[in-house]
Amino acid sequence: MFQINRICCIGAGYVGGPTCSVIAHMCPEIHVTVVDVNESRINAWNSDTLPIYEPGLKEVVESCRGKNLFFSTDIDSAIRDADLVFISVNTPTKTYGMGKGRAADLKYIEACARRIVEVSNGYKIVTEKSTVPVRAAESIRRIFDSNTKPNLNLQVLSNPEFLAEGTAVRDLKEPDRVLIGGDETAEGQRAIRALCDVYERWVPKARIITTNTWSSELSKLAANAFLAQRISSINSISALCESTGADVEEVALAIGMDQRIGSKFLKASVGFGGVCVCVCVSHRESSSIYISKYLMDEGAKLHIYDPKVLKEQIILDLSQPHISEDPLRVSELVTVSVDPYQACQGAHALVVCTEWDMFKDLDYEMIYDHMLKPAFLFDGRRLLDQLHPRLQNIGFQIETIGKKVTTSRIPYTPTAGVPRISINPEPPTKKTKV
């Protein structure tokens, strides 16, 4: 059996970085190199401030970085030396031609395939790791077959990821399943067996599923579609709750206790990101990006605070062609703040789009004092559920997901000693801070 001793991963993003870090951590005898054309991203992986925040990820990286885990921009050398090459590059939505705004753009995956052929010799296993449309592996294989050269044998596998934000490291260390698809030929089965051997070093064999390539690709997208349906369904129920006076949290608890349904993915919120809802569409994008897009489309000025996402990444995400057609407009409308109090200063509305626990402990009296009135608070994640009565007493006009918030409150008296600032209201243009 062919043994994998050296792995190269092309793409140091949300999939490639964590996945290969965990592989290196669990398999210290395997040499793992993650490569990317983005030098600043590679520098971040080699620093104390990783470009991605996931609980436990920093500890995993630091346990093996410089030993058997490396991050580099030398793509060709890493490909040339590898037994296994993961392709984990971005598959953005097409911004042109047929499928514009819907279909996944495979140009980066195809560019990787061409580069692998160009610099490789001997036998290698090439594995698609990005979320891609069904039969994407066939596109890779077609490139390989059309650019043959002596002594080159490239086998193509599909090994989709099933990671969720906030639990990615746990999902990798204790996966529900590992899915590996490949050709049903003897060579294809040999490649599948070699990749299975890597995962079997920490994943029980019963959780490793092998299929043909197309079943692997479709299984990933079908799983995401089922999850998207559950989220969409509970969000639809939340709209009914807001109209009738029911509480979507109570409804979700009741229906989730039915074993035929289960309680997972019944959390109503402002939306979801990172889910493929049909076989040709692929996003790994936060719902807060689209909320920001809608607000910018309305001319709102956004002051954004996120405790983990770097300013450069926020601006990059909001400047994507399918989010904003004019990057200059992003620079005009978006300010990234260094703390939540600065972000809320002089705002008409505060929108909570993510579930950081620190947002439960903010000084909302101070925030209210420094906002324009009436001060609106949109709780898009039901994160502040227990605080709603107190926030109303302070004076906030609260809107949330999946329930009516009663308007009764007692008058608010500012806390003595809280500093106040003078705000000169702008002309009647929208100014919303997220």
Protein backbone atom coordinates (compact mmCIF):
# COMPACT_ATOMS: atom_id res chain seq x y z
CA MET A 1 0.00 0.00 0.00
CA PHE A 2 1.18 3.51 -0.85
CA GLN A 3 2.08 5.44 2.30
CA ILE A 4 1.57 9.20 2.65
CA ASN A 5 4.53 10.83 4.40
CA ARG A 6 4.35 14.39 3.07
CA ILE A 7 1.24 16.50 2.55
CA CYS A 8 0.90 19.80 0.72
CA CYS A 9 -2.24 21.89 1.10
CA ILE A 10 -2.83 24.65 -1.45
CA GLY A 11 -4.89 27.29 0.29
CA ALA A 12 -4.36 28.63 3.81
CA GLY A 13 -7.96 29.67 4.39
CA TYR A 14 -10.69 28.46 6.73
CA VAL A 15 -10.62 24.90 5.39
CA GLY A 16 -6.98 24.26 4.57
CA GLY A 17 -5.37 25.90 7.59
CA PRO A 18 -7.33 24.20 10.39
CA THR A 19 -7.63 20.85 8.58
CA CYS A 20 -3.92 20.45 7.98
CA SER A 21 -3.03 21.81 11.41
CA VAL A 22 -5.10 19.06 13.01
CA ILE A 23 -3.65 16.42 10.67
CA ALA A 24 -0.13 17.52 11.66
CA HIS A 25 -1.13 17.53 15.33
CA MET A 26 -2.65 14.04 15.21
CA CYS A 27 0.00 12.57 12.89
CA PRO A 28 3.42 13.85 14.06
CA GLU A 29 5.22 11.51 11.66
CA ILE A 30 3.67 13.23 8.61
CA HIS A 31 5.30 16.38 7.23
CA VAL A 32 2.56 18.94 6.42
CA THR A 33 3.07 22.17 4.46
CA VAL A 34 0.29 24.69 3.89
CA VAL A 35 0.96 27.08 1.00
CA ASP A 36 -0.76 30.19 -0.31
CA VAL A 37 -0.01 33.02 -2.74
CA ASN A 38 -1.17 35.50 -0.07
CA GLU A 39 2.06 36.33 1.76
CA SER A 40 0.35 38.31 4.53
CA ARG A 41 -1.90 35.35 5.32
CA ILE A 42 1.08 33.00 5.51
CA ASN A 43 2.88 35.50 7.76
CA ALA A 44 -0.16 35.51 10.03
CA TRP A 45 -0.11 31.71 10.29
CA ASN A 46 3.53 31.95 11.29
CA SER A 47 2.81 34.61 13.94
CA ASP A 48 1.12 34.74 17.34
CA THR A 49 -2.02 36.19 15.72
CA LEU A 50 -3.54 33.56 13.44
CA PRO A 51 -5.67 34.78 10.50
CA ILE A 52 -8.55 32.56 11.69
CA TYR A 53 -10.04 32.32 15.14
CA GLU A 54 -11.37 28.96 16.27
CA PRO A 55 -11.36 27.71 19.87
CA GLY A 56 -8.32 25.47 20.36
CA LEU A 57 -6.77 26.22 16.96
CA LYS A 58 -3.88 28.32 18.26
CA GLU A 59 -2.86 25.59 20.69
CA VAL A 60 -2.96 22.98 17.91
CA VAL A 61 -0.83 25.13 15.58
CA GLU A 62 1.72 25.99 18.24
CA SER A 63 2.10 22.34 19.24
CA CYS A 64 3.50 21.34 15.85
CA ARG A 65 4.44 24.50 13.91
CA GLY A 66 8.11 24.33 12.97
CA LYS A 67 8.21 20.60 13.75
CA ASN A 68 6.03 18.87 11.19
CA LEU A 69 3.70 21.76 10.30
CA PHE A 70 4.90 24.57 8.03
CA PHE A 71 3.31 27.57 6.30
CA SER A 72 4.97 28.84 3.14
CA THR A 73 4.56 30.77 -0.12
CA ASP A 74 6.89 28.35 -1.95
CA ILE A 75 4.05 26.52 -3.67
CA ASP A 76 6.02 24.66 -6.33
CA SER A 77 8.49 23.07 -3.89
CA ALA A 78 5.69 21.94 -1.57
CA ILE A 79 3.78 20.35 -4.47
CA ARG A 80 6.91 18.70 -5.86
CA ASP A 81 7.83 17.10 -2.52
CA ALA A 82 4.34 15.95 -1.53
CA ASP A 83 2.76 12.50 -1.71
CA LEU A 84 -0.70 14.03 -1.20
CA VAL A 85 -1.89 17.46 -2.36
CA PHE A 86 -5.05 18.97 -0.92
CA ILE A 87 -6.73 21.64 -3.06
CA SER A 88 -8.41 23.98 -0.55
CA VAL A 89 -8.66 27.20 -2.51
CA ASN A 90 -11.63 29.54 -2.60
CA THR A 91 -14.62 28.81 -4.85
CA PRO A 92 -16.29 32.24 -5.06
CA THR A 93 -19.60 32.92 -6.72
CA LYS A 94 -19.26 33.79 -10.41
CA THR A 95 -19.51 37.50 -11.12
CA TYR A 96 -19.74 37.12 -14.90
CA GLY A 97 -21.25 34.99 -17.66
CA MET A 98 -23.63 32.05 -17.28
CA GLY A 99 -24.45 31.42 -13.63
CA LYS A 100 -23.49 34.94 -12.54
CA GLY A 101 -24.48 35.45 -8.92
CA ARG A 102 -25.25 31.72 -8.43
CA ALA A 103 -22.67 29.29 -9.74
CA ALA A 104 -19.28 28.54 -8.20
CA ASP A 105 -16.26 29.88 -10.07
CA LEU A 106 -13.77 27.02 -10.50
CA LYS A 107 -10.94 29.08 -11.96
CA TYR A 108 -8.77 28.80 -8.83
CA ILE A 109 -9.24 25.03 -8.60
CA GLU A 110 -8.43 24.62 -12.28
CA ALA A 111 -5.36 26.85 -11.90
CA CYS A 112 -4.16 24.59 -9.07
CA ALA A 113 -4.65 21.51 -11.23
CA ARG A 114 -2.57 23.02 -14.03
CA ARG A 115 0.19 24.00 -11.63
CA ILE A 116 0.27 20.52 -10.10
CA VAL A 117 0.75 18.97 -13.54
CA GLU A 118 3.44 21.46 -14.42
CA VAL A 119 5.71 20.87 -11.42
CA SER A 120 4.98 17.24 -10.52
CA ASN A 121 6.66 13.97 -11.32
CA GLY A 122 5.98 10.42 -10.22
CA TYR A 123 2.90 9.32 -8.26
CA LYS A 124 0.72 11.75 -6.32
CA ILE A 125 -2.75 11.79 -4.83
CA VAL A 126 -4.61 15.05 -5.50
CA THR A 127 -7.61 15.63 -3.26
CA GLU A 128 -10.28 18.31 -3.65
CA LYS A 129 -11.07 19.74 -0.23
CA SER A 130 -13.05 22.85 -1.15
CA THR A 131 -16.83 22.89 -1.38
CA VAL A 132 -17.40 22.42 -5.10
CA PRO A 133 -20.17 21.49 -7.54
CA VAL A 134 -20.68 17.83 -8.37
CA ARG A 135 -18.23 16.56 -11.02
CA ALA A 136 -15.60 19.18 -10.16
CA ALA A 137 -13.16 16.31 -9.67
CA GLU A 138 -13.84 15.35 -13.26
CA SER A 139 -12.70 18.83 -14.34
CA ILE A 140 -9.45 18.30 -12.45
CA ARG A 141 -8.99 14.86 -13.94
CA ARG A 142 -9.63 16.21 -17.44
CA ILE A 143 -6.82 18.74 -16.98
CA PHE A 144 -4.50 15.98 -15.78
CA ASP A 145 -5.40 13.67 -18.68
CA SER A 146 -4.88 16.45 -21.23
CA ASN A 147 -1.42 17.34 -19.92
CA THR A 148 0.23 13.97 -19.52
CA LYS A 149 3.97 13.54 -19.34
CA PRO A 150 6.29 10.58 -18.73
CA ASN A 151 6.49 9.11 -15.23
CA LEU A 152 3.54 11.15 -13.95
CA ASN A 153 0.60 9.40 -12.25
CA LEU A 154 -1.97 11.66 -10.58
CA GLN A 155 -4.95 10.15 -8.77
CA VAL A 156 -7.93 12.38 -7.93
CA LEU A 157 -9.98 12.03 -4.74
CA SER A 158 -12.79 13.99 -3.14
CA ASN A 159 -12.58 14.55 0.62
CA PRO A 160 -15.13 17.24 1.58
CA GLU A 161 -14.97 19.09 4.87
CA PHE A 162 -17.82 19.26 7.38
CA LEU A 163 -16.74 22.12 9.64
CA ALA A 164 -18.89 24.52 11.58
CA GLU A 165 -17.73 27.91 12.80
CA GLY A 166 -16.86 27.79 16.48
CA THR A 167 -16.37 24.01 16.60
CA ALA A 168 -13.98 23.44 13.68
CA VAL A 169 -11.16 21.93 15.76
CA ARG A 170 -13.55 19.59 17.56
CA ASP A 171 -15.18 18.68 14.23
CA LEU A 172 -11.76 17.70 12.90
CA LYS A 173 -10.58 15.81 15.98
CA GLU A 174 -13.90 14.04 16.59
CA PRO A 175 -15.70 14.01 13.22
CA ASP A 176 -19.15 12.55 12.75
CA ARG A 177 -17.77 11.03 9.57
CA VAL A 178 -14.88 11.33 7.15
CA LEU A 179 -15.98 11.02 3.54
CA ILE A 180 -13.53 9.95 0.82
CA GLY A 181 -14.55 9.47 -2.80
CA GLY A 182 -12.48 8.15 -5.66
CA ASP A 183 -12.41 6.05 -8.82
CA GLU A 184 -13.64 2.48 -8.62
CA THR A 185 -10.51 1.35 -10.49
CA ALA A 186 -7.68 -0.50 -8.75
CA GLU A 187 -5.57 2.69 -8.82
CA GLY A 188 -8.43 4.75 -7.43
CA GLN A 189 -9.03 2.27 -4.60
CA ARG A 190 -5.32 2.28 -3.81
CA ALA A 191 -5.42 6.07 -3.41
CA ILE A 192 -8.52 5.88 -1.22
CA ARG A 193 -6.84 3.32 1.00
CA ALA A 194 -3.77 5.55 1.42
CA LEU A 195 -5.87 8.56 2.54
CA CYS A 196 -7.97 6.33 4.83
CA ASP A 197 -4.73 5.25 6.51
CA VAL A 198 -4.01 8.88 7.44
CA TYR A 199 -7.40 9.45 9.08
CA GLU A 200 -7.46 6.05 10.78
CA ARG A 201 -4.62 7.20 13.02
CA TRP A 202 -7.21 9.03 15.14
CA VAL A 203 -10.66 8.48 13.59
CA PRO A 204 -12.50 5.17 14.21
CA LYS A 205 -12.76 3.11 11.02
CA ALA A 206 -16.53 2.96 11.36
CA ARG A 207 -16.70 6.72 10.82
CA ILE A 208 -14.70 6.68 7.57
CA ILE A 209 -16.97 6.32 4.55
CA THR A 210 -15.64 5.54 1.08
CA THR A 211 -17.70 6.15 -2.06
CA ASN A 212 -17.23 6.97 -5.70
CA THR A 213 -16.16 10.54 -6.44
CA TRP A 214 -19.56 11.87 -7.45
CA SER A 215 -21.34 10.45 -4.40
CA SER A 216 -18.76 12.14 -2.18
CA GLU A 217 -19.27 15.52 -3.84
CA LEU A 218 -23.06 15.27 -3.82
CA SER A 219 -23.17 14.04 -0.21
CA LYS A 220 -21.43 17.20 0.96
CA LEU A 221 -23.81 19.48 -0.90
CA ALA A 222 -26.88 17.45 0.03
CA ALA A 223 -25.95 17.60 3.72
CA ASN A 224 -25.59 21.36 3.50
CA ALA A 225 -28.93 21.64 1.69
CA PHE A 226 -30.68 19.66 4.44
CA LEU A 227 -29.15 21.88 7.12
CA ALA A 228 -30.12 24.99 5.17
CA GLN A 229 -33.69 23.73 4.94
CA ARG A 230 -33.88 23.31 8.72
CA ILE A 231 -32.55 26.81 9.34
CA SER A 232 -34.84 28.29 6.71
CA SER A 233 -37.81 26.45 8.21
CA ILE A 234 -37.22 27.67 11.76
CA ASN A 235 -36.62 31.20 10.47
CA SER A 236 -39.98 31.02 8.68
CA ILE A 237 -41.60 29.90 11.94
CA SER A 238 -39.89 32.82 13.70
CA ALA A 239 -41.75 35.25 11.42
CA LEU A 240 -45.05 33.67 12.49
CA CYS A 241 -43.99 33.94 16.11
CA GLU A 242 -43.32 37.64 15.75
CA SER A 243 -46.82 38.12 14.30
CA THR A 244 -48.74 35.96 16.77
CA GLY A 245 -46.93 36.48 20.06
CA ALA A 246 -45.40 33.00 20.22
CA ASP A 247 -41.73 32.55 21.13
CA VAL A 248 -39.66 30.68 18.55
CA GLU A 249 -37.30 29.40 21.26
CA GLU A 250 -40.20 27.66 22.99
CA VAL A 251 -41.54 26.33 19.68
CA ALA A 252 -38.08 24.99 18.73
CA LEU A 253 -37.74 23.27 22.10
CA ALA A 254 -41.12 21.58 21.71
CA ILE A 255 -40.62 20.30 18.17
CA GLY A 256 -36.96 19.39 18.80
CA MET A 257 -37.94 16.89 21.48
CA ASP A 258 -39.55 14.79 18.75
CA GLN A 259 -36.90 12.16 18.00
CA ARG A 260 -37.90 12.14 14.34
CA ILE A 261 -36.92 15.81 14.12
CA GLY A 262 -34.22 16.38 16.73
CA SER A 263 -33.02 19.64 18.25
CA LYS A 264 -30.02 20.48 16.07
CA PHE A 265 -30.10 23.47 13.68
CA LEU A 266 -33.36 24.84 15.08
CA LYS A 267 -31.82 28.13 16.20
CA ALA A 268 -33.58 31.07 14.59
CA SER A 269 -31.34 34.00 13.70
CA VAL A 270 -30.66 36.64 11.07
CA GLY A 271 -29.57 33.95 8.63
CA PHE A 272 -26.76 31.56 7.93
CA GLY A 273 -23.43 31.58 6.15
CA GLY A 274 -21.16 28.94 4.76
CA VAL A 275 -23.97 26.73 3.47
CA CYS A 276 -24.42 25.51 -0.12
CA VAL A 277 -28.10 25.42 -0.92
CA CYS A 278 -27.94 23.77 -4.33
CA VAL A 279 -25.47 21.70 -6.32
CA CYS A 280 -24.00 24.68 -8.16
CA VAL A 281 -23.82 27.40 -5.52
CA SER A 282 -21.07 27.73 -2.92
CA HIS A 283 -20.54 30.33 -0.16
CA ARG A 284 -18.61 30.33 3.05
CA GLU A 285 -19.67 33.70 4.15
CA SER A 286 -21.14 35.17 7.27
CA SER A 287 -24.74 36.42 7.26
CA SER A 288 -23.44 39.66 8.76
CA ILE A 289 -21.74 40.38 5.42
CA TYR A 290 -25.11 40.38 3.69
CA ILE A 291 -26.73 42.46 6.42
CA SER A 292 -23.94 44.98 5.88
CA LYS A 293 -24.54 44.83 2.13
CA TYR A 294 -28.24 45.62 2.52
CA LEU A 295 -27.50 48.49 4.87
CA MET A 296 -24.87 49.92 2.51
CA ASP A 297 -27.32 49.61 -0.38
CA GLU A 298 -29.63 51.85 1.65
CA GLY A 299 -26.83 54.38 2.17
CA ALA A 300 -26.26 53.53 5.83
CA LYS A 301 -22.95 54.34 7.48
CA LEU A 302 -21.61 51.28 9.28
CA HIS A 303 -19.30 51.21 12.27
CA ILE A 304 -18.31 47.57 12.69
CA TYR A 305 -16.71 45.88 15.67
CA ASP A 306 -15.61 42.25 15.79
CA PRO A 307 -13.30 40.98 18.55
CA LYS A 308 -11.64 38.38 16.33
CA VAL A 309 -11.79 39.47 12.68
CA LEU A 310 -9.06 41.79 11.46
CA LYS A 311 -9.94 45.14 9.88
CA GLU A 312 -8.30 44.17 6.60
CA GLN A 313 -10.43 41.02 6.38
CA ILE A 314 -13.66 42.91 7.10
CA ILE A 315 -12.94 45.45 4.37
CA LEU A 316 -11.92 42.68 1.95
CA ASP A 317 -15.14 40.74 2.60
CA LEU A 318 -17.34 43.79 2.07
CA SER A 319 -15.42 44.79 -1.08
CA GLN A 320 -16.13 41.55 -2.95
CA PRO A 321 -17.84 42.23 -6.32
CA HIS A 322 -21.06 40.40 -5.36
CA ILE A 323 -21.29 42.46 -2.16
CA SER A 324 -20.29 45.90 -3.39
CA GLU A 325 -19.76 46.91 -6.98
CA ASP A 326 -17.79 49.99 -5.89
CA PRO A 327 -14.95 49.40 -3.38
CA LEU A 328 -14.63 53.17 -2.90
CA ARG A 329 -18.16 53.20 -1.55
CA VAL A 330 -17.11 50.70 1.11
CA SER A 331 -14.34 53.03 2.27
CA GLU A 332 -16.87 55.87 2.45
CA LEU A 333 -19.54 53.98 4.39
CA VAL A 334 -17.60 51.54 6.58
CA THR A 335 -15.49 52.25 9.65
CA VAL A 336 -13.96 49.39 11.62
CA SER A 337 -13.89 50.29 15.31
CA VAL A 338 -11.40 49.11 17.91
CA ASP A 339 -13.98 48.55 20.65
CA PRO A 340 -17.78 48.20 20.89
CA TYR A 341 -18.25 51.49 22.74
CA GLN A 342 -16.51 53.44 20.00
CA ALA A 343 -18.63 51.64 17.40
CA CYS A 344 -21.90 52.60 19.12
CA GLN A 345 -21.03 56.26 19.72
CA GLY A 346 -23.51 58.47 17.90
CA ALA A 347 -25.35 55.56 16.28
CA HIS A 348 -29.07 55.28 15.58
CA ALA A 349 -29.04 51.50 15.91
CA LEU A 350 -26.99 48.66 17.34
CA VAL A 351 -27.19 45.34 15.50
CA VAL A 352 -25.89 42.14 17.10
CA CYS A 353 -24.97 39.69 14.32
CA THR A 354 -22.70 37.21 16.09
CA GLU A 355 -22.71 35.25 19.33
CA TRP A 356 -19.69 36.48 21.26
CA ASP A 357 -20.33 36.11 24.99
CA MET A 358 -18.58 39.42 25.66
CA PHE A 359 -21.59 41.22 24.17
CA LYS A 360 -23.68 40.05 27.13
CA ASP A 361 -21.44 41.92 29.55
CA LEU A 362 -21.22 45.34 27.90
CA ASP A 363 -22.17 48.50 29.76
CA TYR A 364 -25.44 49.12 27.95
CA GLU A 365 -26.27 52.17 30.07
CA MET A 366 -23.16 53.87 28.71
CA ILE A 367 -23.90 52.68 25.18
CA TYR A 368 -27.45 54.07 25.37
CA ASP A 369 -26.25 57.41 26.73
CA HIS A 370 -23.94 57.84 23.75
CA MET A 371 -26.39 56.83 21.00
CA LEU A 372 -28.83 59.04 19.12
CA LYS A 373 -32.46 58.76 20.23
CA PRO A 374 -34.58 56.80 19.73
CA ALA A 375 -31.89 54.14 20.13
CA PHE A 376 -32.68 50.85 18.41
CA LEU A 377 -31.19 47.47 19.30
CA PHE A 378 -31.61 44.59 16.85
CA ASP A 379 -30.76 41.28 18.51
CA GLY A 380 -30.17 39.12 15.45
CA ARG A 381 -28.94 36.07 17.37
CA ARG A 382 -31.21 36.09 20.44
CA LEU A 383 -27.95 36.51 22.35
CA LEU A 384 -29.38 39.12 24.72
CA ASP A 385 -32.69 37.36 25.40
CA GLN A 386 -32.32 37.49 29.17
CA LEU A 387 -31.33 41.14 29.04
CA HIS A 388 -34.27 42.42 26.99
CA PRO A 389 -36.35 43.64 29.99
CA ARG A 390 -33.37 45.55 31.42
CA LEU A 391 -32.44 46.95 28.02
CA GLN A 392 -36.00 48.18 27.55
CA ASN A 393 -35.90 49.84 30.95
CA ILE A 394 -32.73 51.62 29.89
CA GLY A 395 -34.63 52.97 26.89
CA PHE A 396 -33.69 50.79 23.92
CA GLN A 397 -36.27 50.08 21.23
CA ILE A 398 -35.69 46.33 20.83
CA GLU A 399 -36.33 44.13 17.82
CA THR A 400 -35.41 40.45 17.89
CA ILE A 401 -35.93 37.20 16.02
CA GLY A 402 -38.92 34.99 16.61
CA LYS A 403 -40.93 36.78 19.29
CA LYS A 404 -42.71 39.99 20.06
CA VAL A 405 -40.92 42.25 22.52
CA THR A 406 -43.42 44.07 24.69
CA THR A 407 -43.04 47.84 24.74
CA SER A 408 -43.83 48.41 28.40
CA ARG A 409 -40.94 49.78 30.41
CA ILE A 410 -40.20 52.03 33.34
CA PRO A 411 -38.53 55.38 32.64
CA TYR A 412 -34.75 55.25 32.58
CA THR A 413 -32.64 57.53 34.74
CA PRO A 414 -28.97 57.81 33.66
CA THR A 415 -26.51 56.30 36.11
CA ALA A 416 -24.72 58.96 38.12
CA GLY A 417 -21.13 59.47 37.10
CA VAL A 418 -21.46 58.00 33.61
CA PRO A 419 -19.60 60.32 31.23
CA ARG A 420 -21.73 61.86 28.52
CA ILE A 421 -20.56 63.29 25.22
CA SER A 422 -21.96 66.06 23.06
CA ILE A 423 -23.27 64.78 19.75
CA ASN A 424 -24.04 67.05 16.84
CA PRO A 425 -26.72 65.22 14.86
CA GLU A 426 -26.00 64.92 11.16
CA PRO A 427 -28.49 65.93 8.47
CA PRO A 428 -31.25 63.36 7.97
CA THR A 429 -29.12 60.68 6.39
CA LYS A 430 -29.04 57.13 7.65
CA LYS A 431 -26.25 56.31 10.07
CA THR A 432 -26.37 52.76 11.30
CA LYS A 433 -23.58 51.08 13.22
CA VAL A 434 -23.26 47.34 13.37
